[in-house]
Amino acid sequence: VLMPEPDKSQHDGYLEHYHQTGERKIIGIGREVVGQRKDGSLFPF
């Protein structure tokens, strides 16, 4: 709910892939991503 597209639609797949393979894309690494506020505005964090 805190993500814009396309991350919103793809997040469950990212999480499921991690549970199955243990392959990390961001866990323990960190990176710059984009969030979506309640008012719909996007911001970097």
PDB file of all heavy atoms in Angstrom:
ATOM      1  N   VAL A   1       0.830  -1.201   0.000  1.00  0.00           N
ATOM      2  CA  VAL A   1       0.000   0.000   0.000  1.00  0.00           C
ATOM      3  C   VAL A   1       0.872   1.262   0.000  1.00  0.00           C
ATOM      4  O   VAL A   1       0.412   2.347  -0.372  1.00  0.00           O
ATOM      5  CB  VAL A   1      -0.956  -0.009   1.212  1.00  0.00           C
ATOM      6  CG1 VAL A   1      -0.192   0.232   2.508  1.00  0.00           C
ATOM      7  CG2 VAL A   1      -2.056   1.035   1.050  1.00  0.00           C
ATOM      8  N   LEU A   2       2.117   1.104   0.420  1.00  0.00           N
ATOM      9  CA  LEU A   2       3.046   2.240   0.468  1.00  0.00           C
ATOM     10  C   LEU A   2       3.902   2.348  -0.781  1.00  0.00           C
ATOM     11  O   LEU A   2       4.838   3.135  -0.821  1.00  0.00           O
ATOM     12  CB  LEU A   2       3.957   2.115   1.690  1.00  0.00           C
ATOM     13  CG  LEU A   2       3.259   1.934   3.047  1.00  0.00           C
ATOM     14  CD1 LEU A   2       4.294   1.796   4.150  1.00  0.00           C
ATOM     15  CD2 LEU A   2       2.318   3.097   3.338  1.00  0.00           C
ATOM     16  N   MET A   3       3.578   1.554  -1.830  1.00  0.00           N
ATOM     17  CA  MET A   3       4.413   1.514  -3.035  1.00  0.00           C
ATOM     18  C   MET A   3       3.630   1.966  -4.261  1.00  0.00           C
ATOM     19  O   MET A   3       2.441   1.664  -4.381  1.00  0.00           O
ATOM     20  CB  MET A   3       4.915   0.080  -3.283  1.00  0.00           C
ATOM     21  CG  MET A   3       5.688  -0.517  -2.149  1.00  0.00           C
ATOM     22  SD  MET A   3       6.106  -2.245  -2.511  1.00  0.00           S
ATOM     23  CE  MET A   3       6.830  -2.741  -0.954  1.00  0.00           C
ATOM     24  N   PRO A   4       4.303   2.651  -5.194  1.00  0.00           N
ATOM     25  CA  PRO A   4       3.678   2.954  -6.485  1.00  0.00           C
ATOM     26  C   PRO A   4       3.879   1.772  -7.428  1.00  0.00           C
ATOM     27  O   PRO A   4       4.595   0.818  -7.116  1.00  0.00           O
ATOM     28  CB  PRO A   4       4.473   4.173  -6.965  1.00  0.00           C
ATOM     29  CG  PRO A   4       5.845   3.939  -6.417  1.00  0.00           C
ATOM     30  CD  PRO A   4       5.658   3.240  -5.092  1.00  0.00           C
ATOM     31  N   GLU A   5       3.240   1.853  -8.575  1.00  0.00           N
ATOM     32  CA  GLU A   5       3.489   0.856  -9.615  1.00  0.00           C
ATOM     33  C   GLU A   5       4.861   1.116 -10.230  1.00  0.00           C
ATOM     34  O   GLU A   5       5.319   2.260 -10.253  1.00  0.00           O
ATOM     35  CB  GLU A   5       2.402   0.937 -10.698  1.00  0.00           C
ATOM     36  CG  GLU A   5       1.029   0.527 -10.238  1.00  0.00           C
ATOM     37  CD  GLU A   5       0.932  -0.966  -9.872  1.00  0.00           C
ATOM     38  OE1 GLU A   5       1.900  -1.717 -10.108  1.00  0.00           O
ATOM     39  OE2 GLU A   5      -0.120  -1.372  -9.359  1.00  0.00           O
ATOM     40  N   PRO A   6       5.594   0.068 -10.711  1.00  0.00           N
ATOM     41  CA  PRO A   6       5.169  -1.343 -10.799  1.00  0.00           C
ATOM     42  C   PRO A   6       5.508  -2.150  -9.552  1.00  0.00           C
ATOM     43  O   PRO A   6       5.158  -3.319  -9.465  1.00  0.00           O
ATOM     44  CB  PRO A   6       5.967  -1.845 -11.991  1.00  0.00           C
ATOM     45  CG  PRO A   6       7.245  -1.066 -11.920  1.00  0.00           C
ATOM     46  CD  PRO A   6       6.885   0.300 -11.396  1.00  0.00           C
ATOM     47  N   ASP A   7       6.180  -1.506  -8.530  1.00  0.00           N
ATOM     48  CA  ASP A   7       6.578  -2.270  -7.349  1.00  0.00           C
ATOM     49  C   ASP A   7       5.362  -2.823  -6.608  1.00  0.00           C
ATOM     50  O   ASP A   7       5.413  -3.917  -6.034  1.00  0.00           O
ATOM     51  CB  ASP A   7       7.398  -1.378  -6.409  1.00  0.00           C
ATOM     52  CG  ASP A   7       8.751  -1.036  -6.991  1.00  0.00           C
ATOM     53  OD1 ASP A   7       9.225  -1.794  -7.857  1.00  0.00           O
ATOM     54  OD2 ASP A   7       9.344  -0.015  -6.587  1.00  0.00           O
ATOM     55  N   LYS A   8       4.233  -2.076  -6.610  1.00  0.00           N
ATOM     56  CA  LYS A   8       3.031  -2.513  -5.886  1.00  0.00           C
ATOM     57  C   LYS A   8       2.566  -3.875  -6.390  1.00  0.00           C
ATOM     58  O   LYS A   8       2.268  -4.790  -5.600  1.00  0.00           O
ATOM     59  CB  LYS A   8       1.922  -1.475  -6.044  1.00  0.00           C
ATOM     60  CG  LYS A   8       0.607  -1.890  -5.385  1.00  0.00           C
ATOM     61  CD  LYS A   8      -0.468  -0.830  -5.578  1.00  0.00           C
ATOM     62  CE  LYS A   8      -0.263   0.291  -4.582  1.00  0.00           C
ATOM     63  NZ  LYS A   8      -1.440   1.187  -4.525  1.00  0.00           N
ATOM     64  N   SER A   9       2.516  -4.038  -7.714  1.00  0.00           N
ATOM     65  CA  SER A   9       2.027  -5.302  -8.293  1.00  0.00           C
ATOM     66  C   SER A   9       3.041  -6.424  -8.176  1.00  0.00           C
ATOM     67  O   SER A   9       2.671  -7.603  -8.144  1.00  0.00           O
ATOM     68  CB  SER A   9       1.658  -5.102  -9.771  1.00  0.00           C
ATOM     69  OG  SER A   9       0.662  -4.121  -9.915  1.00  0.00           O
ATOM     70  N   GLN A  10       4.311  -6.072  -8.100  1.00  0.00           N
ATOM     71  CA  GLN A  10       5.340  -7.095  -8.139  1.00  0.00           C
ATOM     72  C   GLN A  10       5.862  -7.506  -6.754  1.00  0.00           C
ATOM     73  O   GLN A  10       6.603  -8.490  -6.635  1.00  0.00           O
ATOM     74  CB  GLN A  10       6.525  -6.592  -8.990  1.00  0.00           C
ATOM     75  CG  GLN A  10       6.157  -6.330 -10.436  1.00  0.00           C
ATOM     76  CD  GLN A  10       7.278  -5.665 -11.224  1.00  0.00           C
ATOM     77  OE1 GLN A  10       8.321  -5.348 -10.661  1.00  0.00           O
ATOM     78  NE2 GLN A  10       7.067  -5.466 -12.518  1.00  0.00           N
ATOM     79  N   HIS A  11       5.449  -6.774  -5.678  1.00  0.00           N
ATOM     80  CA  HIS A  11       6.052  -7.017  -4.377  1.00  0.00           C
ATOM     81  C   HIS A  11       5.801  -8.417  -3.839  1.00  0.00           C
ATOM     82  O   HIS A  11       6.720  -9.072  -3.305  1.00  0.00           O
ATOM     83  CB  HIS A  11       5.571  -5.973  -3.359  1.00  0.00           C
ATOM     84  CG  HIS A  11       6.198  -6.141  -2.016  1.00  0.00           C
ATOM     85  ND1 HIS A  11       5.584  -6.826  -0.987  1.00  0.00           N
ATOM     86  CD2 HIS A  11       7.416  -5.760  -1.536  1.00  0.00           C
ATOM     87  CE1 HIS A  11       6.375  -6.853   0.060  1.00  0.00           C
ATOM     88  NE2 HIS A  11       7.495  -6.193  -0.236  1.00  0.00           N
ATOM     89  N   ASP A  12       4.553  -8.910  -3.964  1.00  0.00           N
ATOM     90  CA  ASP A  12       4.252 -10.245  -3.444  1.00  0.00           C
ATOM     91  C   ASP A  12       5.127 -11.280  -4.131  1.00  0.00           C
ATOM     92  O   ASP A  12       5.590 -12.244  -3.499  1.00  0.00           O
ATOM     93  CB  ASP A  12       2.776 -10.575  -3.641  1.00  0.00           C
ATOM     94  CG  ASP A  12       1.890  -9.741  -2.738  1.00  0.00           C
ATOM     95  OD1 ASP A  12       2.412  -9.165  -1.765  1.00  0.00           O
ATOM     96  OD2 ASP A  12       0.669  -9.642  -3.005  1.00  0.00           O
ATOM     97  N   GLY A  13       5.381 -11.104  -5.410  1.00  0.00           N
ATOM     98  CA  GLY A  13       6.247 -12.024  -6.146  1.00  0.00           C
ATOM     99  C   GLY A  13       7.673 -11.961  -5.639  1.00  0.00           C
ATOM    100  O   GLY A  13       8.356 -12.985  -5.521  1.00  0.00           O
ATOM    101  N   TYR A  14       8.167 -10.728  -5.304  1.00  0.00           N
ATOM    102  CA  TYR A  14       9.512 -10.599  -4.751  1.00  0.00           C
ATOM    103  C   TYR A  14       9.628 -11.392  -3.442  1.00  0.00           C
ATOM    104  O   TYR A  14      10.594 -12.134  -3.207  1.00  0.00           O
ATOM    105  CB  TYR A  14       9.832  -9.130  -4.439  1.00  0.00           C
ATOM    106  CG  TYR A  14       9.902  -8.207  -5.630  1.00  0.00           C
ATOM    107  CD1 TYR A  14       9.650  -6.842  -5.481  1.00  0.00           C
ATOM    108  CD2 TYR A  14      10.241  -8.689  -6.892  1.00  0.00           C
ATOM    109  CE1 TYR A  14       9.714  -5.982  -6.569  1.00  0.00           C
ATOM    110  CE2 TYR A  14      10.310  -7.829  -7.978  1.00  0.00           C
ATOM    111  CZ  TYR A  14      10.046  -6.489  -7.821  1.00  0.00           C
ATOM    112  OH  TYR A  14      10.110  -5.647  -8.874  1.00  0.00           O
ATOM    113  N   LEU A  15       8.613 -11.236  -2.577  1.00  0.00           N
ATOM    114  CA  LEU A  15       8.642 -11.874  -1.266  1.00  0.00           C
ATOM    115  C   LEU A  15       8.567 -13.399  -1.389  1.00  0.00           C
ATOM    116  O   LEU A  15       9.312 -14.137  -0.720  1.00  0.00           O
ATOM    117  CB  LEU A  15       7.480 -11.336  -0.411  1.00  0.00           C
ATOM    118  CG  LEU A  15       7.604 -11.494   1.102  1.00  0.00           C
ATOM    119  CD1 LEU A  15       8.872 -10.824   1.604  1.00  0.00           C
ATOM    120  CD2 LEU A  15       6.388 -10.875   1.791  1.00  0.00           C
ATOM    121  N   GLU A  16       7.682 -13.884  -2.272  1.00  0.00           N
ATOM    122  CA  GLU A  16       7.541 -15.321  -2.477  1.00  0.00           C
ATOM    123  C   GLU A  16       8.832 -15.917  -3.037  1.00  0.00           C
ATOM    124  O   GLU A  16       9.273 -16.996  -2.621  1.00  0.00           O
ATOM    125  CB  GLU A  16       6.374 -15.591  -3.420  1.00  0.00           C
ATOM    126  CG  GLU A  16       6.091 -17.065  -3.681  1.00  0.00           C
ATOM    127  CD  GLU A  16       5.692 -17.794  -2.402  1.00  0.00           C
ATOM    128  OE1 GLU A  16       5.092 -17.156  -1.492  1.00  0.00           O
ATOM    129  OE2 GLU A  16       6.006 -19.008  -2.300  1.00  0.00           O
ATOM    130  N   HIS A  17       9.451 -15.181  -3.972  1.00  0.00           N
ATOM    131  CA  HIS A  17      10.699 -15.655  -4.564  1.00  0.00           C
ATOM    132  C   HIS A  17      11.785 -15.772  -3.489  1.00  0.00           C
ATOM    133  O   HIS A  17      12.565 -16.731  -3.488  1.00  0.00           O
ATOM    134  CB  HIS A  17      11.153 -14.674  -5.660  1.00  0.00           C
ATOM    135  CG  HIS A  17      12.448 -15.043  -6.318  1.00  0.00           C
ATOM    136  ND1 HIS A  17      12.564 -16.079  -7.217  1.00  0.00           N
ATOM    137  CD2 HIS A  17      13.719 -14.523  -6.162  1.00  0.00           C
ATOM    138  CE1 HIS A  17      13.816 -16.180  -7.614  1.00  0.00           C
ATOM    139  NE2 HIS A  17      14.541 -15.226  -6.989  1.00  0.00           N
ATOM    140  N   TYR A  18      11.814 -14.836  -2.543  1.00  0.00           N
ATOM    141  CA  TYR A  18      12.815 -14.899  -1.473  1.00  0.00           C
ATOM    142  C   TYR A  18      12.575 -16.096  -0.564  1.00  0.00           C
ATOM    143  O   TYR A  18      13.515 -16.807  -0.182  1.00  0.00           O
ATOM    144  CB  TYR A  18      12.794 -13.605  -0.647  1.00  0.00           C
ATOM    145  CG  TYR A  18      13.657 -13.688   0.580  1.00  0.00           C
ATOM    146  CD1 TYR A  18      15.040 -13.785   0.464  1.00  0.00           C
ATOM    147  CD2 TYR A  18      13.096 -13.715   1.865  1.00  0.00           C
ATOM    148  CE1 TYR A  18      15.839 -13.889   1.588  1.00  0.00           C
ATOM    149  CE2 TYR A  18      13.886 -13.814   2.986  1.00  0.00           C
ATOM    150  CZ  TYR A  18      15.260 -13.898   2.849  1.00  0.00           C
ATOM    151  OH  TYR A  18      16.055 -14.011   3.968  1.00  0.00           O
ATOM    152  N   HIS A  19      11.302 -16.350  -0.227  1.00  0.00           N
ATOM    153  CA  HIS A  19      10.988 -17.486   0.643  1.00  0.00           C
ATOM    154  C   HIS A  19      11.394 -18.801  -0.009  1.00  0.00           C
ATOM    155  O   HIS A  19      11.852 -19.730   0.672  1.00  0.00           O
ATOM    156  CB  HIS A  19       9.493 -17.514   0.987  1.00  0.00           C
ATOM    157  CG  HIS A  19       9.077 -16.422   1.939  1.00  0.00           C
ATOM    158  ND1 HIS A  19       9.813 -16.086   3.056  1.00  0.00           N
ATOM    159  CD2 HIS A  19       7.985 -15.589   1.957  1.00  0.00           C
ATOM    160  CE1 HIS A  19       9.209 -15.104   3.707  1.00  0.00           C
ATOM    161  NE2 HIS A  19       8.087 -14.778   3.047  1.00  0.00           N
ATOM    162  N   GLN A  20      11.241 -18.867  -1.341  1.00  0.00           N
ATOM    163  CA  GLN A  20      11.536 -20.124  -2.042  1.00  0.00           C
ATOM    164  C   GLN A  20      13.033 -20.312  -2.296  1.00  0.00           C
ATOM    165  O   GLN A  20      13.545 -21.422  -2.205  1.00  0.00           O
ATOM    166  CB  GLN A  20      10.781 -20.168  -3.379  1.00  0.00           C
ATOM    167  CG  GLN A  20       9.270 -20.296  -3.214  1.00  0.00           C
ATOM    168  CD  GLN A  20       8.558 -20.318  -4.551  1.00  0.00           C
ATOM    169  OE1 GLN A  20       9.185 -20.239  -5.610  1.00  0.00           O
ATOM    170  NE2 GLN A  20       7.230 -20.417  -4.514  1.00  0.00           N
ATOM    171  N   THR A  21      13.717 -19.223  -2.628  1.00  0.00           N
ATOM    172  CA  THR A  21      15.117 -19.361  -3.067  1.00  0.00           C
ATOM    173  C   THR A  21      16.123 -18.815  -2.071  1.00  0.00           C
ATOM    174  O   THR A  21      17.304 -19.172  -2.122  1.00  0.00           O
ATOM    175  CB  THR A  21      15.332 -18.624  -4.404  1.00  0.00           C
ATOM    176  OG1 THR A  21      15.166 -17.220  -4.185  1.00  0.00           O
ATOM    177  CG2 THR A  21      14.325 -19.091  -5.458  1.00  0.00           C
ATOM    178  N   GLY A  22      15.674 -17.921  -1.185  1.00  0.00           N
ATOM    179  CA  GLY A  22      16.616 -17.271  -0.269  1.00  0.00           C
ATOM    180  C   GLY A  22      17.475 -16.220  -0.947  1.00  0.00           C
ATOM    181  O   GLY A  22      18.405 -15.659  -0.341  1.00  0.00           O
ATOM    182  N   GLU A  23      17.170 -15.910  -2.218  1.00  0.00           N
ATOM    183  CA  GLU A  23      17.951 -14.907  -2.976  1.00  0.00           C
ATOM    184  C   GLU A  23      17.508 -13.499  -2.584  1.00  0.00           C
ATOM    185  O   GLU A  23      16.343 -13.130  -2.739  1.00  0.00           O
ATOM    186  CB  GLU A  23      17.763 -15.129  -4.469  1.00  0.00           C
ATOM    187  CG  GLU A  23      18.586 -14.165  -5.318  1.00  0.00           C
ATOM    188  CD  GLU A  23      18.331 -14.362  -6.815  1.00  0.00           C
ATOM    189  OE1 GLU A  23      17.734 -15.376  -7.206  1.00  0.00           O
ATOM    190  OE2 GLU A  23      18.737 -13.454  -7.583  1.00  0.00           O
ATOM    191  N   ARG A  24      18.444 -12.738  -2.085  1.00  0.00           N
ATOM    192  CA  ARG A  24      18.119 -11.392  -1.602  1.00  0.00           C
ATOM    193  C   ARG A  24      18.289 -10.349  -2.725  1.00  0.00           C
ATOM    194  O   ARG A  24      19.293 -10.367  -3.426  1.00  0.00           O
ATOM    195  CB  ARG A  24      19.011 -11.014  -0.433  1.00  0.00           C
ATOM    196  CG  ARG A  24      18.873 -11.965   0.747  1.00  0.00           C
ATOM    197  CD  ARG A  24      19.784 -11.549   1.861  1.00  0.00           C
ATOM    198  NE  ARG A  24      19.634 -12.390   3.026  1.00  0.00           N
ATOM    199  CZ  ARG A  24      20.237 -12.175   4.198  1.00  0.00           C
ATOM    200  NH1 ARG A  24      21.035 -11.117   4.323  1.00  0.00           N
ATOM    201  NH2 ARG A  24      20.047 -12.991   5.209  1.00  0.00           N
ATOM    202  N   LYS A  25      17.320  -9.467  -2.785  1.00  0.00           N
ATOM    203  CA  LYS A  25      17.437  -8.348  -3.737  1.00  0.00           C
ATOM    204  C   LYS A  25      17.690  -7.029  -3.008  1.00  0.00           C
ATOM    205  O   LYS A  25      18.278  -6.114  -3.562  1.00  0.00           O
ATOM    206  CB  LYS A  25      16.166  -8.233  -4.587  1.00  0.00           C
ATOM    207  CG  LYS A  25      15.885  -9.487  -5.416  1.00  0.00           C
ATOM    208  CD  LYS A  25      14.790  -9.268  -6.417  1.00  0.00           C
ATOM    209  CE  LYS A  25      15.181  -8.287  -7.493  1.00  0.00           C
ATOM    210  NZ  LYS A  25      14.208  -8.193  -8.590  1.00  0.00           N
ATOM    211  N   ILE A  26      17.222  -6.966  -1.769  1.00  0.00           N
ATOM    212  CA  ILE A  26      17.419  -5.720  -1.009  1.00  0.00           C
ATOM    213  C   ILE A  26      17.703  -5.975   0.457  1.00  0.00           C
ATOM    214  O   ILE A  26      18.307  -5.141   1.126  1.00  0.00           O
ATOM    215  CB  ILE A  26      16.169  -4.805  -1.167  1.00  0.00           C
ATOM    216  CG1 ILE A  26      16.452  -3.417  -0.569  1.00  0.00           C
ATOM    217  CG2 ILE A  26      14.946  -5.432  -0.529  1.00  0.00           C
ATOM    218  CD1 ILE A  26      15.366  -2.424  -0.836  1.00  0.00           C
ATOM    219  N   ILE A  27      17.306  -7.139   0.959  1.00  0.00           N
ATOM    220  CA  ILE A  27      17.491  -7.447   2.383  1.00  0.00           C
ATOM    221  C   ILE A  27      18.979  -7.445   2.715  1.00  0.00           C
ATOM    222  O   ILE A  27      19.781  -8.128   2.069  1.00  0.00           O
ATOM    223  CB  ILE A  27      16.861  -8.816   2.737  1.00  0.00           C
ATOM    224  CG1 ILE A  27      15.344  -8.755   2.504  1.00  0.00           C
ATOM    225  CG2 ILE A  27      17.148  -9.203   4.186  1.00  0.00           C
ATOM    226  CD1 ILE A  27      14.659 -10.095   2.609  1.00  0.00           C
ATOM    227  N   GLY A  28      19.332  -6.663   3.727  1.00  0.00           N
ATOM    228  CA  GLY A  28      20.721  -6.570   4.155  1.00  0.00           C
ATOM    229  C   GLY A  28      21.611  -5.756   3.241  1.00  0.00           C
ATOM    230  O   GLY A  28      22.827  -5.695   3.456  1.00  0.00           O
ATOM    231  N   ILE A  29      21.009  -5.179   2.207  1.00  0.00           N
ATOM    232  CA  ILE A  29      21.821  -4.402   1.242  1.00  0.00           C
ATOM    233  C   ILE A  29      21.455  -2.924   1.319  1.00  0.00           C
ATOM    234  O   ILE A  29      22.293  -2.067   1.569  1.00  0.00           O
ATOM    235  CB  ILE A  29      21.596  -4.934  -0.199  1.00  0.00           C
ATOM    236  CG1 ILE A  29      21.928  -6.425  -0.258  1.00  0.00           C
ATOM    237  CG2 ILE A  29      22.426  -4.131  -1.200  1.00  0.00           C
ATOM    238  CD1 ILE A  29      21.545  -7.079  -1.555  1.00  0.00           C
ATOM    239  N   GLY A  30      20.203  -2.626   1.107  1.00  0.00           N
ATOM    240  CA  GLY A  30      19.734  -1.246   1.102  1.00  0.00           C
ATOM    241  C   GLY A  30      19.882  -0.586  -0.252  1.00  0.00           C
ATOM    242  O   GLY A  30      20.821  -0.884  -0.999  1.00  0.00           O
ATOM    243  N   ARG A  31      18.923   0.265  -0.565  1.00  0.00           N
ATOM    244  CA  ARG A  31      18.990   0.982  -1.844  1.00  0.00           C
ATOM    245  C   ARG A  31      17.982   2.131  -1.842  1.00  0.00           C
ATOM    246  O   ARG A  31      17.146   2.242  -0.939  1.00  0.00           O
ATOM    247  CB  ARG A  31      18.713   0.039  -3.008  1.00  0.00           C
ATOM    248  CG  ARG A  31      17.293  -0.488  -3.064  1.00  0.00           C
ATOM    249  CD  ARG A  31      17.066  -1.339  -4.293  1.00  0.00           C
ATOM    250  NE  ARG A  31      15.707  -1.842  -4.346  1.00  0.00           N
ATOM    251  CZ  ARG A  31      15.254  -2.639  -5.298  1.00  0.00           C
ATOM    252  NH1 ARG A  31      16.076  -3.037  -6.263  1.00  0.00           N
ATOM    253  NH2 ARG A  31      13.997  -3.061  -5.290  1.00  0.00           N
ATOM    254  N   GLU A  32      18.067   2.942  -2.876  1.00  0.00           N
ATOM    255  CA  GLU A  32      17.119   4.049  -3.032  1.00  0.00           C
ATOM    256  C   GLU A  32      15.875   3.543  -3.749  1.00  0.00           C
ATOM    257  O   GLU A  32      15.964   2.912  -4.804  1.00  0.00           O
ATOM    258  CB  GLU A  32      17.759   5.182  -3.834  1.00  0.00           C
ATOM    259  CG  GLU A  32      16.866   6.401  -4.003  1.00  0.00           C
ATOM    260  CD  GLU A  32      17.518   7.507  -4.817  1.00  0.00           C
ATOM    261  OE1 GLU A  32      18.750   7.690  -4.688  1.00  0.00           O
ATOM    262  OE2 GLU A  32      16.802   8.161  -5.598  1.00  0.00           O
ATOM    263  N   VAL A  33      14.708   3.788  -3.184  1.00  0.00           N
ATOM    264  CA  VAL A  33      13.440   3.381  -3.794  1.00  0.00           C
ATOM    265  C   VAL A  33      12.468   4.562  -3.763  1.00  0.00           C
ATOM    266  O   VAL A  33      12.796   5.631  -3.243  1.00  0.00           O
ATOM    267  CB  VAL A  33      12.827   2.166  -3.053  1.00  0.00           C
ATOM    268  CG1 VAL A  33      13.712   0.930  -3.198  1.00  0.00           C
ATOM    269  CG2 VAL A  33      12.609   2.492  -1.585  1.00  0.00           C
ATOM    270  N   VAL A  34      11.282   4.339  -4.322  1.00  0.00           N
ATOM    271  CA  VAL A  34      10.258   5.380  -4.374  1.00  0.00           C
ATOM    272  C   VAL A  34       9.055   4.926  -3.564  1.00  0.00           C
ATOM    273  O   VAL A  34       8.591   3.776  -3.690  1.00  0.00           O
ATOM    274  CB  VAL A  34       9.833   5.672  -5.827  1.00  0.00           C
ATOM    275  CG1 VAL A  34       8.701   6.697  -5.869  1.00  0.00           C
ATOM    276  CG2 VAL A  34      11.026   6.180  -6.616  1.00  0.00           C
ATOM    277  N   GLY A  35       8.546   5.791  -2.689  1.00  0.00           N
ATOM    278  CA  GLY A  35       7.368   5.491  -1.892  1.00  0.00           C
ATOM    279  C   GLY A  35       6.177   6.310  -2.354  1.00  0.00           C
ATOM    280  O   GLY A  35       6.323   7.306  -3.072  1.00  0.00           O
ATOM    281  N   GLN A  36       4.987   5.865  -1.911  1.00  0.00           N
ATOM    282  CA  GLN A  36       3.753   6.570  -2.275  1.00  0.00           C
ATOM    283  C   GLN A  36       3.016   6.948  -1.003  1.00  0.00           C
ATOM    284  O   GLN A  36       2.689   6.109  -0.174  1.00  0.00           O
ATOM    285  CB  GLN A  36       2.864   5.696  -3.159  1.00  0.00           C
ATOM    286  CG  GLN A  36       1.590   6.412  -3.593  1.00  0.00           C
ATOM    287  CD  GLN A  36       0.814   5.600  -4.625  1.00  0.00           C
ATOM    288  OE1 GLN A  36       1.417   5.016  -5.521  1.00  0.00           O
ATOM    289  NE2 GLN A  36      -0.494   5.554  -4.500  1.00  0.00           N
ATOM    290  N   ARG A  37       2.766   8.238  -0.856  1.00  0.00           N
ATOM    291  CA  ARG A  37       2.064   8.727   0.319  1.00  0.00           C
ATOM    292  C   ARG A  37       0.561   8.494   0.177  1.00  0.00           C
ATOM    293  O   ARG A  37       0.063   8.135  -0.895  1.00  0.00           O
ATOM    294  CB  ARG A  37       2.344  10.219   0.525  1.00  0.00           C
ATOM    295  CG  ARG A  37       3.804  10.560   0.779  1.00  0.00           C
ATOM    296  CD  ARG A  37       3.948  12.027   1.136  1.00  0.00           C
ATOM    297  NE  ARG A  37       5.347  12.405   1.368  1.00  0.00           N
ATOM    298  CZ  ARG A  37       6.144  12.939   0.476  1.00  0.00           C
ATOM    299  NH1 ARG A  37       5.687  13.172  -0.762  1.00  0.00           N
ATOM    300  NH2 ARG A  37       7.384  13.244   0.776  1.00  0.00           N
ATOM    301  N   LYS A  38      -0.125   8.772   1.270  1.00  0.00           N
ATOM    302  CA  LYS A  38      -1.574   8.596   1.275  1.00  0.00           C
ATOM    303  C   LYS A  38      -2.251   9.476   0.228  1.00  0.00           C
ATOM    304  O   LYS A  38      -3.236   9.065  -0.411  1.00  0.00           O
ATOM    305  CB  LYS A  38      -2.123   8.941   2.674  1.00  0.00           C
ATOM    306  CG  LYS A  38      -3.637   8.816   2.801  1.00  0.00           C
ATOM    307  CD  LYS A  38      -4.087   9.208   4.200  1.00  0.00           C
ATOM    308  CE  LYS A  38      -5.612   9.161   4.307  1.00  0.00           C
ATOM    309  NZ  LYS A  38      -6.091   9.529   5.661  1.00  0.00           N
ATOM    310  N   ASP A  39      -1.704  10.681   0.009  1.00  0.00           N
ATOM    311  CA  ASP A  39      -2.307  11.600  -0.967  1.00  0.00           C
ATOM    312  C   ASP A  39      -1.917  11.272  -2.406  1.00  0.00           C
ATOM    313  O   ASP A  39      -2.257  11.997  -3.336  1.00  0.00           O
ATOM    314  CB  ASP A  39      -1.935  13.050  -0.631  1.00  0.00           C
ATOM    315  CG  ASP A  39      -0.422  13.299  -0.699  1.00  0.00           C
ATOM    316  OD1 ASP A  39       0.320  12.399  -1.142  1.00  0.00           O
ATOM    317  OD2 ASP A  39       0.017  14.398  -0.297  1.00  0.00           O
ATOM    318  N   GLY A  40      -1.180  10.177  -2.598  1.00  0.00           N
ATOM    319  CA  GLY A  40      -0.809   9.749  -3.941  1.00  0.00           C
ATOM    320  C   GLY A  40       0.516  10.287  -4.432  1.00  0.00           C
ATOM    321  O   GLY A  40       1.016   9.867  -5.476  1.00  0.00           O
ATOM    322  N   SER A  41       1.108  11.239  -3.687  1.00  0.00           N
ATOM    323  CA  SER A  41       2.383  11.808  -4.126  1.00  0.00           C
ATOM    324  C   SER A  41       3.511  10.808  -3.932  1.00  0.00           C
ATOM    325  O   SER A  41       3.492   9.991  -2.997  1.00  0.00           O
ATOM    326  CB  SER A  41       2.680  13.097  -3.359  1.00  0.00           C
ATOM    327  OG  SER A  41       2.769  12.848  -1.973  1.00  0.00           O
ATOM    328  N   LEU A  42       4.470  10.852  -4.815  1.00  0.00           N
ATOM    329  CA  LEU A  42       5.626   9.955  -4.775  1.00  0.00           C
ATOM    330  C   LEU A  42       6.825  10.701  -4.203  1.00  0.00           C
ATOM    331  O   LEU A  42       6.971  11.905  -4.399  1.00  0.00           O
ATOM    332  CB  LEU A  42       5.942   9.430  -6.170  1.00  0.00           C
ATOM    333  CG  LEU A  42       4.808   8.749  -6.932  1.00  0.00           C
ATOM    334  CD1 LEU A  42       5.297   8.253  -8.291  1.00  0.00           C
ATOM    335  CD2 LEU A  42       4.213   7.584  -6.135  1.00  0.00           C
ATOM    336  N   PHE A  43       7.697   9.983  -3.531  1.00  0.00           N
ATOM    337  CA  PHE A  43       8.887  10.611  -2.975  1.00  0.00           C
ATOM    338  C   PHE A  43       9.990   9.561  -2.890  1.00  0.00           C
ATOM    339  O   PHE A  43       9.733   8.360  -2.764  1.00  0.00           O
ATOM    340  CB  PHE A  43       8.600  11.205  -1.590  1.00  0.00           C
ATOM    341  CG  PHE A  43       8.347  10.178  -0.526  1.00  0.00           C
ATOM    342  CD1 PHE A  43       9.344   9.797   0.366  1.00  0.00           C
ATOM    343  CD2 PHE A  43       7.099   9.559  -0.419  1.00  0.00           C
ATOM    344  CE1 PHE A  43       9.119   8.847   1.337  1.00  0.00           C
ATOM    345  CE2 PHE A  43       6.868   8.602   0.565  1.00  0.00           C
ATOM    346  CZ  PHE A  43       7.873   8.236   1.444  1.00  0.00           C
ATOM    347  N   PRO A  44      11.255  10.024  -2.950  1.00  0.00           N
ATOM    348  CA  PRO A  44      12.379   9.077  -2.867  1.00  0.00           C
ATOM    349  C   PRO A  44      12.805   8.856  -1.412  1.00  0.00           C
ATOM    350  O   PRO A  44      12.753   9.774  -0.591  1.00  0.00           O
ATOM    351  CB  PRO A  44      13.466   9.789  -3.659  1.00  0.00           C
ATOM    352  CG  PRO A  44      13.194  11.237  -3.412  1.00  0.00           C
ATOM    353  CD  PRO A  44      11.704  11.381  -3.286  1.00  0.00           C
ATOM    354  N   PHE A  45      13.237   7.646  -1.102  1.00  0.00           N
ATOM    355  CA  PHE A  45      13.798   7.390   0.220  1.00  0.00           C
ATOM    356  C   PHE A  45      14.810   6.255   0.132  1.00  0.00           C
ATOM    357  O   PHE A  45      14.778   5.445  -0.805  1.00  0.00           O
ATOM    358  CB  PHE A  45      12.718   7.107   1.266  1.00  0.00           C
ATOM    359  CG  PHE A  45      11.926   5.848   1.036  1.00  0.00           C
ATOM    360  CD1 PHE A  45      12.320   4.620   1.597  1.00  0.00           C
ATOM    361  CD2 PHE A  45      10.757   5.865   0.288  1.00  0.00           C
ATOM    362  CE1 PHE A  45      11.576   3.465   1.410  1.00  0.00           C
ATOM    363  CE2 PHE A  45      10.014   4.707   0.092  1.00  0.00           C
ATOM    364  CZ  PHE A  45      10.419   3.501   0.648  1.00  0.00           C
TER     365      PHE A  45
END
